[in-house]
Amino acid sequence: MKGLILIGGGGHCHACIDVIEREGKHRIAGILDHPDRRGEEVLGYEILGGDDQIPGLIKEGHAFLITLGQIQSPERRIAIFEQLQALGAELISVVSPLAHLSPHAEIGVGTIVMHQALVNAKARVGANCIINSQALVEHDAVIEDHCHVSTGAKINGNAKLGRESFVGSGAILFHEIQVGAGSLIAAGVVVRRNKPPQAKVLL
C-alpha cells in the first residue's frame, strides 16, 4: 500500500483514522499538525511535523487526506487542498465500509464518507467534503466542494448545498431546497425555503 499522510491531528482526525482503518485500502504513514507536536502520536500514528513537510512527502510518493475538522470556517481546509493541488499531490477519497455509497452516485477527490452515512443514487458530492457519520445525502442531491454535512444531517432529494457550506448535526434540508455558497445551517434546523449565499440559519 502507498503511504497516506493525514493533515490535521485533532478530534476529526481520530474519526477519520477509524474510517481509514476499517476501509483497509491505505496505510497511514503519519500525520501533519502544528510543528510543536512533532513526535507525538495520534491513535498510534506519529506527527511528522507541520505543513512545511508536504513537498518532501510528495517526493517520497505519499498520498494525502485532509483530516482537519470544519465547523467555524472551511478556509484552512481549502487553503491546504489548494496547496496540495498546486504541488501535484495525490489526494484520495475514503468511504467507510459501514456507509453506503450508491454505485450511481459520485464523490469528489479528498472527500470522506464516514460510518453509516448514506449517499443515494444520482447524488453528487464535490471535492474536499466531509459526509459525517449517519448523514443522509438523498437521490439527485448536490453537495458542492468544501462542504461539511454533520452527523445525522439529512439532505433530501434534489436539494443543493452550495460550496463551502456547513450543515450542523441533525439539520434537515427539505426536498429541492437550494442553499447558497458559504452558508451555515445550525444543528437541528429544518430548512424549508431556499437560502441565499452566506446565509446563517440558526435555531
Protein backbone atom coordinates (compact mmCIF):
# COMPACT_ATOMS: atom_id res chain seq x y z
CA MET A 1 0.00 0.00 0.00
CA LYS A 2 1.13 3.54 -0.73
CA GLY A 3 1.71 5.61 2.41
CA LEU A 4 -1.07 8.04 3.36
CA ILE A 5 -0.37 11.32 5.15
CA LEU A 6 -3.17 12.87 7.19
CA ILE A 7 -3.22 16.65 7.61
CA GLY A 8 -4.75 17.66 10.94
CA GLY A 9 -4.36 15.72 14.17
CA GLY A 10 -7.40 16.74 16.23
CA GLY A 11 -10.71 15.11 17.03
CA HIS A 12 -11.89 14.82 13.44
CA CYS A 13 -8.63 13.05 12.64
CA HIS A 14 -9.48 10.41 15.26
CA ALA A 15 -12.74 9.61 13.48
CA CYS A 16 -11.05 9.64 10.06
CA ILE A 17 -8.41 7.17 11.25
CA ASP A 18 -11.13 4.78 12.34
CA VAL A 19 -12.77 5.00 8.90
CA ILE A 20 -9.44 4.56 7.06
CA GLU A 21 -8.51 1.55 9.17
CA ARG A 22 -11.92 -0.07 8.60
CA GLU A 23 -11.75 0.58 4.84
CA GLY A 24 -8.34 -1.10 4.74
CA LYS A 25 -7.18 0.39 1.44
CA HIS A 26 -4.49 2.75 2.72
CA ARG A 27 -1.52 2.56 5.09
CA ILE A 28 -1.31 5.63 7.31
CA ALA A 29 2.33 6.77 7.20
CA GLY A 30 1.98 9.75 9.54
CA ILE A 31 0.19 12.95 10.41
CA LEU A 32 0.96 16.64 9.89
CA ASP A 33 -0.17 19.15 12.51
CA HIS A 34 1.40 22.06 14.40
CA PRO A 35 5.21 21.72 14.34
CA ASP A 36 5.29 21.87 18.15
CA ARG A 37 3.51 18.50 18.23
CA ARG A 38 6.22 16.73 16.23
CA GLY A 39 6.90 13.29 17.71
CA GLU A 40 3.50 12.98 19.41
CA GLU A 41 1.24 10.11 18.45
CA VAL A 42 -2.42 10.15 17.46
CA LEU A 43 -4.02 6.71 17.89
CA GLY A 44 -0.58 5.20 17.35
CA TYR A 45 0.42 7.29 14.31
CA GLU A 46 3.29 9.76 14.58
CA ILE A 47 3.00 13.50 13.96
CA LEU A 48 5.83 14.14 11.49
CA GLY A 49 5.80 17.93 11.74
CA GLY A 50 3.97 20.82 10.08
CA ASP A 51 2.83 21.73 6.59
CA ASP A 52 6.41 22.52 5.55
CA GLN A 53 6.90 18.74 5.28
CA ILE A 54 4.41 18.46 2.41
CA PRO A 55 6.79 18.93 -0.57
CA GLY A 56 9.21 16.31 0.71
CA LEU A 57 6.44 13.83 1.44
CA ILE A 58 5.08 14.30 -2.08
CA LYS A 59 8.53 13.49 -3.49
CA GLU A 60 8.55 10.32 -1.39
CA GLY A 61 5.35 9.26 -3.18
CA HIS A 62 2.85 9.60 -0.36
CA ALA A 63 -0.85 10.35 -0.88
CA PHE A 64 -2.79 12.79 1.29
CA LEU A 65 -6.11 13.29 3.06
CA ILE A 66 -7.11 16.47 4.92
CA THR A 67 -8.34 15.47 8.37
CA LEU A 68 -8.92 18.92 9.83
CA GLY A 69 -12.46 19.49 11.03
CA GLN A 70 -14.72 22.15 9.54
CA ILE A 71 -17.23 23.95 11.74
CA GLN A 72 -16.47 27.66 12.04
CA SER A 73 -14.89 28.08 8.61
CA PRO A 74 -13.67 25.95 5.70
CA GLU A 75 -10.81 28.35 4.92
CA ARG A 76 -7.98 26.27 6.36
CA ARG A 77 -9.15 23.08 4.66
CA ILE A 78 -9.48 24.94 1.36
CA ALA A 79 -6.03 26.51 1.65
CA ILE A 80 -4.40 23.13 2.29
CA PHE A 81 -6.41 21.49 -0.50
CA GLU A 82 -5.31 24.16 -2.97
CA GLN A 83 -1.69 23.90 -1.79
CA LEU A 84 -1.72 20.14 -2.33
CA GLN A 85 -3.23 20.52 -5.79
CA ALA A 86 -0.70 23.19 -6.77
CA LEU A 87 2.15 20.89 -5.73
CA GLY A 88 0.73 17.98 -7.72
CA ALA A 89 -0.04 15.85 -4.67
CA GLU A 90 -2.26 12.79 -4.86
CA LEU A 91 -5.44 13.33 -2.84
CA ILE A 92 -7.55 10.31 -2.01
CA SER A 93 -11.20 9.82 -1.15
CA VAL A 94 -12.32 7.45 1.62
CA VAL A 95 -15.63 5.65 2.06
CA SER A 96 -16.33 3.70 5.23
CA PRO A 97 -17.32 0.08 4.63
CA LEU A 98 -20.11 0.78 7.12
CA ALA A 99 -21.51 3.52 4.84
CA HIS A 100 -23.50 3.11 1.63
CA LEU A 101 -22.30 4.96 -1.44
CA SER A 102 -24.60 4.17 -4.34
CA PRO A 103 -22.78 2.98 -7.47
CA HIS A 104 -24.88 5.61 -9.23
CA ALA A 105 -23.59 8.44 -7.01
CA GLU A 106 -20.39 10.48 -7.34
CA ILE A 107 -17.94 11.85 -4.80
CA GLY A 108 -15.03 14.18 -5.44
CA VAL A 109 -11.35 13.88 -4.61
CA GLY A 110 -10.39 14.43 -0.98
CA THR A 111 -13.88 13.64 0.32
CA ILE A 112 -14.59 11.27 3.21
CA VAL A 113 -17.88 9.41 3.71
CA MET A 114 -17.98 8.25 7.31
CA HIS A 115 -19.59 5.38 9.22
CA GLN A 116 -23.28 4.70 8.50
CA ALA A 117 -23.63 7.63 6.11
CA LEU A 118 -25.82 7.11 3.03
CA VAL A 119 -25.19 8.73 -0.33
CA ASN A 120 -28.02 7.65 -2.59
CA ALA A 121 -28.44 7.21 -6.35
CA LYS A 122 -27.55 10.16 -8.61
CA ALA A 123 -26.33 12.24 -5.67
CA ARG A 124 -23.19 14.28 -6.37
CA VAL A 125 -20.73 15.24 -3.63
CA GLY A 126 -17.88 17.57 -4.55
CA ALA A 127 -14.21 17.66 -3.59
CA ASN A 128 -12.78 18.03 -0.07
CA CYS A 129 -16.11 17.36 1.65
CA ILE A 130 -16.99 15.66 4.92
CA ILE A 131 -20.11 13.49 4.90
CA ASN A 132 -20.14 12.66 8.57
CA SER A 133 -21.45 9.66 10.49
CA GLN A 134 -25.12 8.77 9.83
CA ALA A 135 -25.61 11.69 7.42
CA LEU A 136 -28.00 11.24 4.50
CA VAL A 137 -27.48 12.67 1.02
CA GLU A 138 -30.59 11.59 -0.85
CA HIS A 139 -31.14 10.88 -4.54
CA ASP A 140 -30.18 13.63 -7.00
CA ALA A 141 -28.93 15.95 -4.24
CA VAL A 142 -25.85 18.08 -4.91
CA ILE A 143 -23.20 18.89 -2.31
CA GLU A 144 -20.68 21.29 -3.80
CA ASP A 145 -16.94 21.46 -2.95
CA HIS A 146 -15.57 22.04 0.57
CA CYS A 147 -18.80 21.32 2.48
CA HIS A 148 -19.32 19.55 5.81
CA VAL A 149 -22.58 17.65 6.31
CA SER A 150 -22.50 16.83 10.01
CA THR A 151 -23.62 13.79 11.97
CA GLY A 152 -27.19 12.75 11.34
CA ALA A 153 -27.97 15.64 8.98
CA LYS A 154 -30.35 14.97 6.08
CA ILE A 155 -30.03 16.49 2.63
CA ASN A 156 -33.20 15.40 0.87
CA GLY A 157 -33.76 14.58 -2.78
CA ASN A 158 -32.87 17.21 -5.40
CA ALA A 159 -31.63 19.63 -2.73
CA LYS A 160 -28.45 21.60 -3.38
CA LEU A 161 -25.87 22.77 -0.85
CA GLY A 162 -23.57 25.49 -2.16
CA ARG A 163 -19.81 25.24 -1.86
CA GLU A 164 -18.01 25.97 1.41
CA SER A 165 -21.16 25.44 3.49
CA PHE A 166 -21.70 23.75 6.84
CA VAL A 167 -24.77 21.78 7.93
CA GLY A 168 -24.96 21.02 11.64
CA SER A 169 -25.88 17.77 13.32
CA GLY A 170 -29.46 16.66 12.78
CA ALA A 171 -30.33 19.53 10.43
CA ILE A 172 -32.68 18.81 7.53
CA LEU A 173 -32.85 20.34 4.06
CA PHE A 174 -36.27 19.72 2.51
CA HIS A 175 -36.69 18.24 -0.97
CA GLU A 176 -35.44 20.60 -3.76
CA ILE A 177 -34.19 23.27 -1.32
CA GLN A 178 -31.32 25.41 -2.61
CA VAL A 179 -28.77 26.76 -0.07
CA GLY A 180 -26.25 29.29 -1.37
CA ALA A 181 -22.48 29.09 -1.07
CA GLY A 182 -20.76 29.82 2.23
CA SER A 183 -23.84 29.17 4.34
CA LEU A 184 -24.10 27.90 7.90
CA ILE A 185 -27.07 25.74 8.88
CA ALA A 186 -27.13 25.21 12.64
CA ALA A 187 -27.69 21.85 14.32
CA GLY A 188 -31.31 20.76 14.40
CA VAL A 189 -32.58 23.37 11.94
CA VAL A 190 -35.19 22.40 9.35
CA VAL A 191 -34.69 24.37 6.12
CA ARG A 192 -37.98 24.69 4.25
CA ARG A 193 -37.15 27.64 1.95
CA ASN A 194 -34.26 28.49 -0.35
CA LYS A 195 -31.39 30.43 1.21
CA PRO A 196 -29.04 32.99 -0.41
CA PRO A 197 -25.24 32.76 -0.30
CA GLN A 198 -23.64 33.37 3.11
CA ALA A 199 -26.90 32.56 4.89
CA LYS A 200 -26.81 31.82 8.62
CA VAL A 201 -29.80 29.74 9.67
CA LEU A 202 -29.91 29.39 13.45
CA LEU A 203 -32.37 27.87 15.90
